[in-house]
Every structure is written in C-alpha cells, then in structure tokens.
C-alpha cells in the first residue's frame, strides 16, 4: 500500500513538473508570437504602396536625416526649373515664377523684380523666346546649417532662328520649414544669388 502511495506521489510530482513546463512553454510561445507580431507591424509601416497606372509599386519609408542631401538637391532643381523654365506666354511665366517663389525667400523675389523691371520677361514674350534649363550638378556643404549649395546648370534661349546656350552658376543656403503642397521637401532657399550667367555658344537654325 505504501509503495502504491509512493508511486502515486511520484506520478503527481511528474504531472506537476510537466504542467509547469507546459505552462512555461505556452508563455514563451505567446511572448514570442506577440513580439513577432509587433515586429511585423513595425516592418509593414515602413512599406508604402503607391498605385500608378493600375499597378501597385512598393516604396520604403525612411528617416528624413537619411535623405536630406537627396531632398535638398531635388528642392534646388525644382526651384531652378520653375524659375528659369519660361515660354512666351505671360500666364506660363507667372505660374512658374509663383511656384518657384514658394521655395525661396525674398532674395528670389528681388531677383524676379529686377528681371521684370529690366524688361526681361517682356522681351521673351515679344520675341517669342522659350527658355529651358538643365541642372548639371548641385554641390552641398552639409557640415553647416543653414545648408550651403552651389548649383551648376545649362540654360538655353530658343528662338525661331537660333538657340543660345548659357552657363549658369548660382549659390545659396537652405533652412528647414514645414512641408506643404507648395513646398513638398520642407526647405527654404535663402540668400540666393547668381554667380555666373554667360553665353557659351549660339546655334543657328
């Protein structure tokens, strides 16, 4: 009888130990599942899907600090494209300049006013001249704030009889501002000035 009770007591201890092990395993599995679900959720937040032409394209979210040089270069290119891409149409000129002035401070407005007062835009319209620009490169100094940039570009003045190619070099600084529809990168160009704007060659048609 004592042997039977001893066997029952041993079996109970084994069952108790097995129960503890089972509970510990369940807790461990539950914790692991919760951890993986949070990890998966965080990973999904870094994936962005963009619908373009009926196709879902995957993009990735990243901290802004990782993309500042890229965003600055694109901001500078956007500004120069809008400021210098002109057609012999007053509405086109005004629309492009308005977009450009959202990306820069009063230094760009002053440059625009000076060109307007000198009759630059009037001459473009009356002469049926189109102006195009291609930004070749943008040099940055990220070791100072506001961030310094120097932009190197090629400008073309297209007439019905000829095309004039110009070398354009500008410089300025950028500081952070709030993003908006008019300023998607969240930068503002300050102290913008033209260092060089000289003719390179003329091609007759």
N, C-alpha and C. Protein backbone atom coordinates (compact mmCIF):
# COMPACT_ATOMS: atom_id res chain seq x y z
N UNK A 1 0.83 -1.20 0.00
CA UNK A 1 0.00 0.00 0.00
C UNK A 1 0.87 1.25 0.00
N UNK A 2 1.95 1.21 0.86
CA UNK A 2 2.86 2.36 0.90
C UNK A 2 3.56 2.55 -0.44
N UNK A 3 3.87 1.44 -1.08
CA UNK A 3 4.52 1.52 -2.40
C UNK A 3 3.59 2.16 -3.42
N UNK A 4 2.29 1.81 -3.30
CA UNK A 4 1.30 2.37 -4.22
C UNK A 4 1.15 3.87 -4.02
N UNK A 5 1.15 4.27 -2.69
CA UNK A 5 1.04 5.70 -2.40
C UNK A 5 2.29 6.44 -2.89
N UNK A 6 3.43 5.80 -2.74
CA UNK A 6 4.69 6.41 -3.19
C UNK A 6 4.68 6.60 -4.71
N UNK A 7 4.13 5.58 -5.41
CA UNK A 7 4.05 5.69 -6.87
C UNK A 7 3.09 6.81 -7.30
N UNK A 8 1.98 6.92 -6.54
CA UNK A 8 1.02 8.00 -6.84
C UNK A 8 1.65 9.36 -6.60
N UNK A 9 2.42 9.49 -5.49
CA UNK A 9 3.08 10.76 -5.16
C UNK A 9 4.12 11.11 -6.23
N UNK A 10 4.87 10.11 -6.69
CA UNK A 10 5.88 10.34 -7.74
C UNK A 10 5.21 10.75 -9.05
N UNK A 11 4.11 10.07 -9.38
CA UNK A 11 3.38 10.40 -10.60
C UNK A 11 2.81 11.81 -10.54
N UNK A 12 2.31 12.18 -9.35
CA UNK A 12 1.77 13.54 -9.16
C UNK A 12 2.87 14.60 -9.37
N UNK A 13 4.06 14.31 -8.82
CA UNK A 13 5.18 15.24 -8.99
C UNK A 13 5.57 15.37 -10.47
N UNK A 14 5.55 14.22 -11.17
CA UNK A 14 5.88 14.26 -12.59
C UNK A 14 4.85 15.07 -13.37
N UNK A 15 3.56 14.84 -13.02
CA UNK A 15 2.49 15.60 -13.68
C UNK A 15 2.61 17.09 -13.37
N UNK A 16 2.94 17.40 -12.09
CA UNK A 16 3.11 18.80 -11.67
C UNK A 16 4.26 19.47 -12.44
N UNK A 17 5.38 18.73 -12.54
CA UNK A 17 6.53 19.26 -13.26
C UNK A 17 6.20 19.45 -14.74
N UNK A 18 5.52 18.45 -15.31
CA UNK A 18 5.14 18.54 -16.72
C UNK A 18 4.20 19.73 -16.95
N UNK A 19 3.27 19.95 -15.97
CA UNK A 19 2.34 21.08 -16.09
C UNK A 19 3.09 22.40 -16.07
N UNK A 20 4.08 22.53 -15.16
CA UNK A 20 4.89 23.75 -15.08
C UNK A 20 5.64 23.99 -16.39
N UNK A 21 6.21 22.88 -16.90
CA UNK A 21 6.95 23.01 -18.16
C UNK A 21 6.03 23.41 -19.30
N UNK A 22 4.81 22.84 -19.32
CA UNK A 22 3.84 23.15 -20.36
C UNK A 22 3.41 24.61 -20.28
N UNK A 23 3.16 25.08 -19.03
CA UNK A 23 2.76 26.48 -18.84
C UNK A 23 3.88 27.43 -19.29
N UNK A 24 5.13 27.09 -18.90
CA UNK A 24 6.27 27.92 -19.28
C UNK A 24 6.43 27.97 -20.80
N UNK A 25 6.23 26.79 -21.45
CA UNK A 25 6.34 26.75 -22.90
C UNK A 25 5.25 27.59 -23.56
N UNK A 26 4.03 27.53 -23.02
CA UNK A 26 2.91 28.33 -23.57
C UNK A 26 3.18 29.83 -23.43
N UNK A 27 3.72 30.22 -22.24
CA UNK A 27 4.04 31.63 -22.02
C UNK A 27 5.13 32.09 -22.99
N UNK A 28 6.16 31.23 -23.16
CA UNK A 28 7.25 31.59 -24.07
C UNK A 28 6.76 31.73 -25.50
N UNK A 29 5.92 30.80 -25.94
CA UNK A 29 5.38 30.86 -27.30
C UNK A 29 4.50 32.09 -27.48
N UNK A 30 3.69 32.41 -26.46
CA UNK A 30 2.82 33.59 -26.54
C UNK A 30 3.64 34.87 -26.63
N UNK A 31 4.68 34.97 -25.79
CA UNK A 31 5.55 36.15 -25.82
C UNK A 31 6.25 36.30 -27.16
N UNK A 32 6.72 35.17 -27.70
CA UNK A 32 7.39 35.19 -29.00
C UNK A 32 6.43 35.63 -30.10
N UNK A 33 5.18 35.11 -30.04
CA UNK A 33 4.19 35.47 -31.05
C UNK A 33 3.85 36.95 -30.98
N UNK A 34 3.71 37.48 -29.74
CA UNK A 34 3.42 38.91 -29.58
C UNK A 34 4.58 39.76 -30.12
N UNK A 35 5.81 39.35 -29.79
CA UNK A 35 7.00 40.08 -30.24
C UNK A 35 7.07 40.11 -31.76
N UNK A 36 6.84 38.95 -32.40
CA UNK A 36 6.91 38.87 -33.85
C UNK A 36 5.80 39.68 -34.51
N UNK A 37 4.63 39.73 -33.86
CA UNK A 37 3.52 40.50 -34.45
C UNK A 37 3.83 41.99 -34.41
N UNK A 38 4.42 42.45 -33.30
CA UNK A 38 4.82 43.86 -33.22
C UNK A 38 5.93 44.17 -34.23
N UNK A 39 6.86 43.24 -34.36
CA UNK A 39 7.96 43.42 -35.31
C UNK A 39 7.42 43.48 -36.74
N UNK A 40 6.48 42.60 -37.04
CA UNK A 40 5.89 42.58 -38.37
C UNK A 40 5.10 43.85 -38.64
N UNK A 41 4.39 44.34 -37.60
CA UNK A 41 3.62 45.58 -37.74
C UNK A 41 4.53 46.76 -38.01
N UNK A 42 5.66 46.83 -37.27
CA UNK A 42 6.62 47.93 -37.47
C UNK A 42 7.23 47.86 -38.86
N UNK A 43 7.50 46.64 -39.32
CA UNK A 43 8.08 46.47 -40.66
C UNK A 43 7.09 46.90 -41.74
N UNK A 44 5.82 46.56 -41.54
CA UNK A 44 4.79 46.93 -42.52
C UNK A 44 4.63 48.44 -42.62
N UNK A 45 4.85 49.14 -41.50
CA UNK A 45 4.72 50.60 -41.51
C UNK A 45 5.80 51.24 -42.37
N UNK A 46 6.91 50.56 -42.56
CA UNK A 46 7.99 51.10 -43.38
C UNK A 46 7.83 50.78 -44.85
N UNK A 47 6.75 50.08 -45.20
CA UNK A 47 6.47 49.76 -46.59
C UNK A 47 5.28 50.59 -47.05
N UNK A 48 5.46 51.28 -48.14
CA UNK A 48 4.40 52.12 -48.68
C UNK A 48 4.10 51.61 -50.09
N UNK A 49 2.82 51.49 -50.39
CA UNK A 49 2.43 51.03 -51.71
C UNK A 49 1.77 52.17 -52.47
N UNK A 50 2.30 52.46 -53.66
CA UNK A 50 1.81 53.55 -54.47
C UNK A 50 1.13 52.96 -55.70
N UNK A 51 -0.08 53.43 -55.97
CA UNK A 51 -0.82 52.95 -57.13
C UNK A 51 -0.52 53.86 -58.31
N UNK A 52 0.10 53.31 -59.35
CA UNK A 52 0.44 54.09 -60.53
C UNK A 52 0.09 53.29 -61.78
N UNK A 53 -0.74 53.88 -62.61
CA UNK A 53 -1.17 53.22 -63.86
C UNK A 53 -1.74 51.83 -63.60
N UNK A 54 -2.50 51.70 -62.51
CA UNK A 54 -3.14 50.43 -62.22
C UNK A 54 -2.23 49.39 -61.60
N UNK A 55 -0.98 49.75 -61.29
CA UNK A 55 -0.04 48.83 -60.68
C UNK A 55 0.37 49.32 -59.30
N UNK A 56 0.49 48.38 -58.37
CA UNK A 56 0.92 48.72 -57.01
C UNK A 56 2.44 48.66 -56.95
N UNK A 57 3.07 49.79 -56.66
CA UNK A 57 4.52 49.86 -56.55
C UNK A 57 4.90 50.01 -55.09
N UNK A 58 5.91 49.24 -54.67
CA UNK A 58 6.33 49.27 -53.27
C UNK A 58 7.40 50.32 -53.06
N UNK A 59 7.21 51.14 -52.03
CA UNK A 59 8.21 52.13 -51.63
C UNK A 59 8.57 51.87 -50.18
N UNK A 60 9.60 52.50 -49.71
CA UNK A 60 10.06 52.28 -48.34
C UNK A 60 10.16 53.62 -47.62
N UNK A 61 9.67 53.63 -46.38
CA UNK A 61 9.77 54.83 -45.54
C UNK A 61 11.12 54.83 -44.85
N UNK A 62 11.69 56.02 -44.68
CA UNK A 62 12.99 56.15 -44.02
C UNK A 62 13.03 57.46 -43.26
N UNK A 63 13.94 57.55 -42.30
CA UNK A 63 14.10 58.78 -41.56
C UNK A 63 14.55 59.88 -42.50
N UNK A 64 14.10 61.11 -42.22
CA UNK A 64 14.43 62.21 -43.11
C UNK A 64 15.93 62.46 -43.16
N UNK A 65 16.61 62.25 -42.03
CA UNK A 65 18.05 62.54 -41.99
C UNK A 65 18.82 61.70 -43.00
N UNK A 66 18.27 60.53 -43.36
CA UNK A 66 18.94 59.67 -44.34
C UNK A 66 18.81 60.23 -45.76
N UNK A 67 17.83 61.10 -45.98
CA UNK A 67 17.53 61.57 -47.33
C UNK A 67 17.74 63.06 -47.53
N UNK A 68 18.28 63.76 -46.53
CA UNK A 68 18.40 65.21 -46.63
C UNK A 68 19.17 65.65 -47.87
N UNK A 69 20.37 65.09 -48.15
CA UNK A 69 21.08 65.53 -49.36
C UNK A 69 20.28 65.31 -50.64
N UNK A 70 19.58 64.18 -50.72
CA UNK A 70 18.77 63.89 -51.91
C UNK A 70 17.63 64.89 -52.03
N UNK A 71 16.96 65.17 -50.91
CA UNK A 71 15.84 66.10 -50.93
C UNK A 71 16.30 67.52 -51.24
N UNK A 72 17.45 67.91 -50.69
CA UNK A 72 17.98 69.25 -50.96
C UNK A 72 18.27 69.42 -52.45
N UNK A 73 18.94 68.43 -53.04
CA UNK A 73 19.27 68.52 -54.46
C UNK A 73 18.00 68.63 -55.31
N UNK A 74 16.99 67.85 -54.96
CA UNK A 74 15.74 67.90 -55.72
C UNK A 74 15.03 69.23 -55.51
N UNK A 75 15.10 69.77 -54.29
CA UNK A 75 14.49 71.07 -54.00
C UNK A 75 15.16 72.16 -54.84
N UNK A 76 16.49 72.15 -54.87
CA UNK A 76 17.23 73.13 -55.66
C UNK A 76 16.90 73.00 -57.15
N UNK A 77 16.82 71.75 -57.63
CA UNK A 77 16.49 71.53 -59.04
C UNK A 77 15.08 72.03 -59.36
N UNK A 78 14.13 71.74 -58.46
CA UNK A 78 12.76 72.19 -58.67
C UNK A 78 12.69 73.72 -58.76
N UNK A 79 13.39 74.38 -57.83
CA UNK A 79 13.37 75.84 -57.81
C UNK A 79 13.93 76.41 -59.11
N UNK A 80 15.10 75.93 -59.53
CA UNK A 80 15.71 76.45 -60.74
C UNK A 80 14.88 76.12 -61.98
N UNK A 81 14.30 74.94 -62.00
CA UNK A 81 13.43 74.57 -63.13
C UNK A 81 12.26 75.53 -63.24
N UNK A 82 11.59 75.80 -62.11
CA UNK A 82 10.42 76.68 -62.14
C UNK A 82 10.81 78.13 -62.42
N UNK A 83 11.95 78.57 -61.89
CA UNK A 83 12.35 79.97 -62.05
C UNK A 83 12.85 80.28 -63.45
N UNK A 84 13.51 79.31 -64.09
CA UNK A 84 14.16 79.58 -65.37
C UNK A 84 13.49 78.93 -66.57
N UNK A 85 12.50 78.07 -66.36
CA UNK A 85 11.78 77.48 -67.49
C UNK A 85 10.63 78.40 -67.86
N UNK A 86 10.77 79.06 -69.00
CA UNK A 86 9.82 80.10 -69.40
C UNK A 86 9.43 79.93 -70.86
N UNK A 87 8.21 80.33 -71.17
CA UNK A 87 7.72 80.33 -72.54
C UNK A 87 7.15 81.72 -72.84
N UNK A 88 7.01 82.05 -74.12
CA UNK A 88 6.49 83.38 -74.47
C UNK A 88 5.00 83.51 -74.20
N UNK A 89 4.64 83.33 -72.96
CA UNK A 89 3.24 83.41 -72.53
C UNK A 89 3.23 83.96 -71.11
N UNK A 90 2.58 85.08 -70.91
CA UNK A 90 2.62 85.75 -69.61
C UNK A 90 2.07 84.87 -68.50
N UNK A 91 1.05 84.08 -68.79
CA UNK A 91 0.46 83.20 -67.77
C UNK A 91 1.41 82.09 -67.38
N UNK A 92 2.14 81.54 -68.36
CA UNK A 92 3.12 80.49 -68.07
C UNK A 92 4.25 81.06 -67.21
N UNK A 93 4.72 82.23 -67.57
CA UNK A 93 5.79 82.89 -66.80
C UNK A 93 5.35 83.09 -65.36
N UNK A 94 4.16 83.65 -65.19
CA UNK A 94 3.67 83.94 -63.85
C UNK A 94 3.45 82.67 -63.04
N UNK A 95 2.93 81.63 -63.67
CA UNK A 95 2.66 80.37 -62.97
C UNK A 95 3.97 79.73 -62.49
N UNK A 96 4.98 79.71 -63.36
CA UNK A 96 6.26 79.10 -62.98
C UNK A 96 6.97 79.90 -61.90
N UNK A 97 6.97 81.22 -62.05
CA UNK A 97 7.63 82.06 -61.04
C UNK A 97 6.93 81.93 -59.69
N UNK A 98 5.61 81.86 -59.70
CA UNK A 98 4.86 81.71 -58.44
C UNK A 98 5.25 80.43 -57.73
N UNK A 99 5.37 79.32 -58.49
CA UNK A 99 5.79 78.05 -57.88
C UNK A 99 7.20 78.16 -57.31
N UNK A 100 8.08 78.84 -58.04
CA UNK A 100 9.47 78.96 -57.60
C UNK A 100 9.57 79.79 -56.32
N UNK A 101 8.77 80.84 -56.21
CA UNK A 101 8.88 81.75 -55.06
C UNK A 101 8.40 81.10 -53.76
N UNK A 102 7.63 80.02 -53.85
CA UNK A 102 7.26 79.28 -52.65
C UNK A 102 8.46 78.54 -52.07
N UNK A 103 9.49 78.32 -52.88
CA UNK A 103 10.64 77.51 -52.47
C UNK A 103 11.82 78.35 -51.99
N UNK A 104 11.69 79.67 -52.03
CA UNK A 104 12.81 80.55 -51.66
C UNK A 104 12.30 81.77 -50.91
N UNK A 105 13.25 82.51 -50.32
CA UNK A 105 12.87 83.70 -49.55
C UNK A 105 12.87 84.94 -50.45
N UNK A 106 12.96 86.11 -49.82
CA UNK A 106 12.87 87.37 -50.56
C UNK A 106 13.99 87.60 -51.56
N UNK A 107 15.11 86.89 -51.43
CA UNK A 107 16.21 87.07 -52.39
C UNK A 107 15.78 86.66 -53.79
N UNK A 108 14.96 85.61 -53.91
CA UNK A 108 14.45 85.19 -55.21
C UNK A 108 13.43 86.19 -55.74
N UNK A 109 12.60 86.73 -54.84
CA UNK A 109 11.62 87.74 -55.24
C UNK A 109 12.32 88.99 -55.74
N UNK A 110 13.42 89.37 -55.09
CA UNK A 110 14.19 90.54 -55.53
C UNK A 110 14.78 90.31 -56.92
N UNK A 111 15.32 89.10 -57.15
CA UNK A 111 15.87 88.77 -58.47
C UNK A 111 14.78 88.82 -59.54
N UNK A 112 13.61 88.31 -59.21
CA UNK A 112 12.48 88.35 -60.15
C UNK A 112 12.08 89.79 -60.47
N UNK A 113 11.97 90.61 -59.43
CA UNK A 113 11.58 92.02 -59.64
C UNK A 113 12.60 92.76 -60.50
N UNK A 114 13.89 92.47 -60.27
CA UNK A 114 14.93 93.13 -61.07
C UNK A 114 14.82 92.73 -62.54
N UNK A 115 14.58 91.43 -62.80
CA UNK A 115 14.43 90.98 -64.18
C UNK A 115 13.17 91.58 -64.82
N UNK A 116 12.12 91.67 -64.04
CA UNK A 116 10.86 92.22 -64.55
C UNK A 116 11.02 93.70 -64.89
N UNK A 117 11.67 94.44 -64.00
CA UNK A 117 11.86 95.88 -64.23
C UNK A 117 12.79 96.15 -65.41
N UNK A 118 13.72 95.25 -65.66
CA UNK A 118 14.63 95.43 -66.79
C UNK A 118 14.00 95.04 -68.12
N UNK A 119 12.76 94.51 -68.07
CA UNK A 119 12.05 94.14 -69.28
C UNK A 119 12.41 92.77 -69.81
N UNK A 120 13.03 91.94 -68.97
CA UNK A 120 13.49 90.62 -69.42
C UNK A 120 12.32 89.76 -69.89
N UNK A 121 11.27 89.67 -69.08
CA UNK A 121 10.13 88.82 -69.42
C UNK A 121 9.35 89.39 -70.60
N UNK A 122 9.26 90.70 -70.67
CA UNK A 122 8.58 91.33 -71.80
C UNK A 122 9.30 91.02 -73.11
N UNK A 123 10.64 91.03 -73.06
CA UNK A 123 11.42 90.71 -74.26
C UNK A 123 11.24 89.25 -74.68
N UNK A 124 11.15 88.33 -73.68
CA UNK A 124 10.91 86.93 -74.01
C UNK A 124 9.58 86.76 -74.74
N UNK A 125 8.55 87.43 -74.22
CA UNK A 125 7.22 87.28 -74.80
C UNK A 125 7.14 87.92 -76.18
N UNK A 126 7.65 89.14 -76.29
CA UNK A 126 7.59 89.84 -77.58
C UNK A 126 8.47 89.18 -78.64
N UNK A 127 9.57 88.55 -78.21
CA UNK A 127 10.46 87.90 -79.16
C UNK A 127 10.15 86.44 -79.39
N UNK A 128 9.06 85.94 -78.79
CA UNK A 128 8.67 84.52 -78.92
C UNK A 128 9.84 83.60 -78.56
N UNK A 129 10.47 83.88 -77.43
CA UNK A 129 11.64 83.13 -76.98
C UNK A 129 11.23 82.18 -75.85
N UNK A 130 11.65 80.93 -75.95
CA UNK A 130 11.46 79.96 -74.87
C UNK A 130 12.78 79.79 -74.14
N UNK A 131 12.69 79.64 -72.85
CA UNK A 131 13.89 79.44 -72.03
C UNK A 131 13.79 78.11 -71.31
N UNK A 132 14.84 77.30 -71.42
CA UNK A 132 14.89 76.00 -70.76
C UNK A 132 16.17 75.90 -69.94
N UNK A 133 16.12 75.06 -68.92
CA UNK A 133 17.29 74.88 -68.06
C UNK A 133 17.47 73.41 -67.72
N UNK A 134 18.72 73.00 -67.65
CA UNK A 134 19.06 71.65 -67.21
C UNK A 134 20.11 71.76 -66.11
N UNK A 135 19.76 71.31 -64.91
CA UNK A 135 20.70 71.35 -63.79
C UNK A 135 21.71 70.23 -63.95
N UNK A 136 22.97 70.59 -64.06
CA UNK A 136 24.02 69.59 -64.26
C UNK A 136 24.44 68.95 -62.94
N UNK A 137 24.61 69.76 -61.90
CA UNK A 137 25.00 69.22 -60.59
C UNK A 137 24.70 70.25 -59.51
N UNK A 138 24.59 69.74 -58.28
CA UNK A 138 24.38 70.61 -57.11
C UNK A 138 25.38 70.20 -56.04
N UNK A 139 26.31 71.08 -55.71
CA UNK A 139 27.31 70.82 -54.67
C UNK A 139 26.75 71.29 -53.33
N UNK A 140 26.94 70.46 -52.29
CA UNK A 140 26.38 70.77 -50.97
C UNK A 140 27.47 70.78 -49.91
N UNK A 141 27.24 71.58 -48.89
CA UNK A 141 28.07 71.55 -47.68
C UNK A 141 27.13 71.24 -46.51
N UNK A 142 27.13 69.96 -46.09
CA UNK A 142 26.21 69.52 -45.03
C UNK A 142 26.80 69.73 -43.63
N UNK A 143 28.00 70.30 -43.55
CA UNK A 143 28.64 70.50 -42.25
C UNK A 143 28.26 71.82 -41.62
N UNK A 144 27.40 72.58 -42.27
CA UNK A 144 26.94 73.83 -41.69
C UNK A 144 25.42 73.94 -41.86
N UNK A 145 24.82 74.74 -41.00
CA UNK A 145 23.37 74.98 -41.11
C UNK A 145 23.13 76.47 -40.93
N UNK A 146 22.35 77.10 -41.80
CA UNK A 146 21.67 76.54 -42.97
C UNK A 146 22.65 75.90 -43.97
N UNK A 147 22.14 74.90 -44.70
CA UNK A 147 22.98 74.14 -45.62
C UNK A 147 23.34 75.00 -46.85
N UNK A 148 24.62 74.98 -47.20
CA UNK A 148 25.09 75.75 -48.36
C UNK A 148 25.00 74.90 -49.62
N UNK A 149 24.63 75.54 -50.75
CA UNK A 149 24.63 74.83 -52.03
C UNK A 149 25.19 75.73 -53.12
N UNK A 150 25.74 75.09 -54.13
CA UNK A 150 26.13 75.78 -55.36
C UNK A 150 25.58 74.95 -56.51
N UNK A 151 24.84 75.61 -57.37
CA UNK A 151 24.15 74.91 -58.47
C UNK A 151 24.81 75.25 -59.80
N UNK A 152 25.12 74.21 -60.58
CA UNK A 152 25.69 74.37 -61.91
C UNK A 152 24.66 73.90 -62.94
N UNK A 153 24.33 74.77 -63.88
CA UNK A 153 23.27 74.43 -64.83
C UNK A 153 23.60 74.96 -66.22
N UNK A 154 22.88 74.43 -67.20
CA UNK A 154 22.98 74.89 -68.58
C UNK A 154 21.62 75.45 -68.99
N UNK A 155 21.67 76.66 -69.52
CA UNK A 155 20.45 77.38 -69.88
C UNK A 155 20.38 77.54 -71.39
N UNK A 156 19.19 77.41 -71.97
CA UNK A 156 19.02 77.59 -73.41
C UNK A 156 17.92 78.60 -73.69
N UNK A 157 18.26 79.55 -74.57
CA UNK A 157 17.28 80.52 -75.06
C UNK A 157 16.97 80.14 -76.51
N UNK A 158 15.74 79.69 -76.73
CA UNK A 158 15.37 79.13 -78.03
C UNK A 158 14.53 80.15 -78.80
N UNK A 159 15.08 80.59 -79.92
CA UNK A 159 14.38 81.48 -80.85
C UNK A 159 14.03 80.70 -82.11
N UNK A 160 13.26 81.33 -82.97
CA UNK A 160 12.90 80.65 -84.23
C UNK A 160 14.09 80.52 -85.16
N UNK A 161 15.10 81.39 -84.98
CA UNK A 161 16.27 81.38 -85.88
C UNK A 161 17.53 80.81 -85.24
N UNK A 162 17.58 80.74 -83.92
CA UNK A 162 18.81 80.30 -83.26
C UNK A 162 18.54 79.83 -81.83
N UNK A 163 19.52 79.16 -81.27
CA UNK A 163 19.47 78.72 -79.87
C UNK A 163 20.75 79.17 -79.18
N UNK A 164 20.61 79.93 -78.11
CA UNK A 164 21.75 80.40 -77.34
C UNK A 164 21.90 79.52 -76.10
N UNK A 165 23.09 79.00 -75.91
CA UNK A 165 23.38 78.17 -74.73
C UNK A 165 24.19 78.97 -73.73
N UNK A 166 23.77 78.95 -72.48
CA UNK A 166 24.42 79.73 -71.43
C UNK A 166 24.86 78.83 -70.28
N UNK A 167 25.90 79.27 -69.62
CA UNK A 167 26.35 78.61 -68.39
C UNK A 167 25.79 79.39 -67.21
N UNK A 168 25.12 78.69 -66.29
CA UNK A 168 24.51 79.33 -65.14
C UNK A 168 25.05 78.71 -63.85
N UNK A 169 25.53 79.55 -62.95
CA UNK A 169 26.01 79.11 -61.64
C UNK A 169 25.37 79.99 -60.58
N UNK A 170 24.70 79.37 -59.61
CA UNK A 170 24.08 80.11 -58.52
C UNK A 170 24.49 79.49 -57.18
N UNK A 171 24.25 80.23 -56.12
CA UNK A 171 24.53 79.70 -54.78
C UNK A 171 23.50 80.23 -53.80
N UNK A 172 23.44 79.58 -52.65
CA UNK A 172 22.51 80.00 -51.61
C UNK A 172 22.57 79.06 -50.42
N UNK A 173 21.62 79.23 -49.52
CA UNK A 173 21.55 78.42 -48.31
C UNK A 173 20.13 77.89 -48.16
N UNK A 174 20.00 76.79 -47.45
CA UNK A 174 18.67 76.22 -47.22
C UNK A 174 18.44 75.98 -45.73
N UNK A 175 17.25 76.34 -45.28
CA UNK A 175 16.87 76.03 -43.90
C UNK A 175 15.57 75.23 -43.91
N UNK A 176 15.32 74.54 -42.82
CA UNK A 176 14.13 73.69 -42.71
C UNK A 176 12.89 74.54 -42.44
N UNK A 177 11.82 74.20 -43.13
CA UNK A 177 10.49 74.78 -42.87
C UNK A 177 9.47 73.64 -42.93
N UNK A 178 8.24 73.96 -42.66
CA UNK A 178 7.18 72.94 -42.70
C UNK A 178 6.91 72.52 -44.14
N UNK A 179 6.62 71.24 -44.31
CA UNK A 179 6.24 70.75 -45.64
C UNK A 179 4.82 71.20 -45.97
N UNK A 180 4.57 71.38 -47.26
CA UNK A 180 3.23 71.75 -47.71
C UNK A 180 3.09 71.32 -49.17
N UNK A 181 1.90 71.50 -49.72
CA UNK A 181 1.69 71.17 -51.13
C UNK A 181 2.57 72.04 -52.02
N UNK A 182 2.81 73.28 -51.61
CA UNK A 182 3.63 74.19 -52.40
C UNK A 182 5.12 74.00 -52.14
N UNK A 183 5.46 73.34 -51.04
CA UNK A 183 6.87 73.12 -50.67
C UNK A 183 7.00 71.70 -50.11
N UNK A 184 6.96 70.69 -50.97
CA UNK A 184 6.91 69.30 -50.51
C UNK A 184 8.16 68.82 -49.78
N UNK A 185 9.32 69.43 -50.03
CA UNK A 185 10.55 68.99 -49.37
C UNK A 185 10.77 69.66 -48.01
N UNK A 186 10.08 70.75 -47.76
CA UNK A 186 10.23 71.41 -46.47
C UNK A 186 11.55 72.15 -46.30
N UNK A 187 12.03 72.79 -47.36
CA UNK A 187 13.23 73.63 -47.30
C UNK A 187 12.90 75.01 -47.86
N UNK A 188 13.66 76.01 -47.42
CA UNK A 188 13.51 77.36 -47.97
C UNK A 188 14.89 77.87 -48.35
N UNK A 189 15.04 78.28 -49.63
CA UNK A 189 16.31 78.81 -50.12
C UNK A 189 16.47 80.24 -49.64
N UNK A 190 17.63 80.55 -49.08
CA UNK A 190 17.92 81.89 -48.58
C UNK A 190 19.18 82.44 -49.25
N UNK A 191 19.26 83.77 -49.30
CA UNK A 191 20.46 84.46 -49.82
C UNK A 191 20.86 83.92 -51.19
N UNK A 192 19.87 83.70 -52.04
CA UNK A 192 20.13 83.14 -53.36
C UNK A 192 20.69 84.21 -54.28
N UNK A 193 21.75 83.88 -55.01
CA UNK A 193 22.33 84.83 -55.94
C UNK A 193 22.94 84.10 -57.13
N UNK A 194 23.01 84.81 -58.25
CA UNK A 194 23.61 84.27 -59.46
C UNK A 194 25.07 84.67 -59.52
N UNK A 195 25.94 83.68 -59.62
CA UNK A 195 27.38 83.94 -59.70
C UNK A 195 27.84 84.08 -61.14
N UNK A 196 27.19 83.35 -62.04
CA UNK A 196 27.60 83.36 -63.45
C UNK A 196 26.40 83.08 -64.34
N UNK A 197 26.29 83.85 -65.41
CA UNK A 197 25.26 83.61 -66.41
C UNK A 197 25.77 84.16 -67.74
N UNK A 198 26.61 83.36 -68.38
CA UNK A 198 27.30 83.84 -69.59
C UNK A 198 27.00 82.92 -70.78
N UNK A 199 27.04 83.53 -71.97
CA UNK A 199 26.80 82.78 -73.21
C UNK A 199 27.98 81.84 -73.48
N UNK A 200 27.64 80.62 -73.91
CA UNK A 200 28.67 79.65 -74.31
C UNK A 200 28.75 79.55 -75.82
N UNK A 201 27.61 79.39 -76.47
CA UNK A 201 27.62 79.32 -77.93
C UNK A 201 26.23 79.61 -78.47
N UNK A 202 26.19 79.89 -79.76
CA UNK A 202 24.93 80.15 -80.46
C UNK A 202 24.83 79.22 -81.66
N UNK A 203 23.71 78.52 -81.76
CA UNK A 203 23.48 77.60 -82.87
C UNK A 203 22.39 78.17 -83.76
N UNK A 204 22.72 78.41 -85.01
CA UNK A 204 21.72 78.92 -85.96
C UNK A 204 20.91 77.78 -86.56
N UNK A 205 19.65 78.03 -86.80
CA UNK A 205 18.78 77.00 -87.38
C UNK A 205 18.69 77.14 -88.88
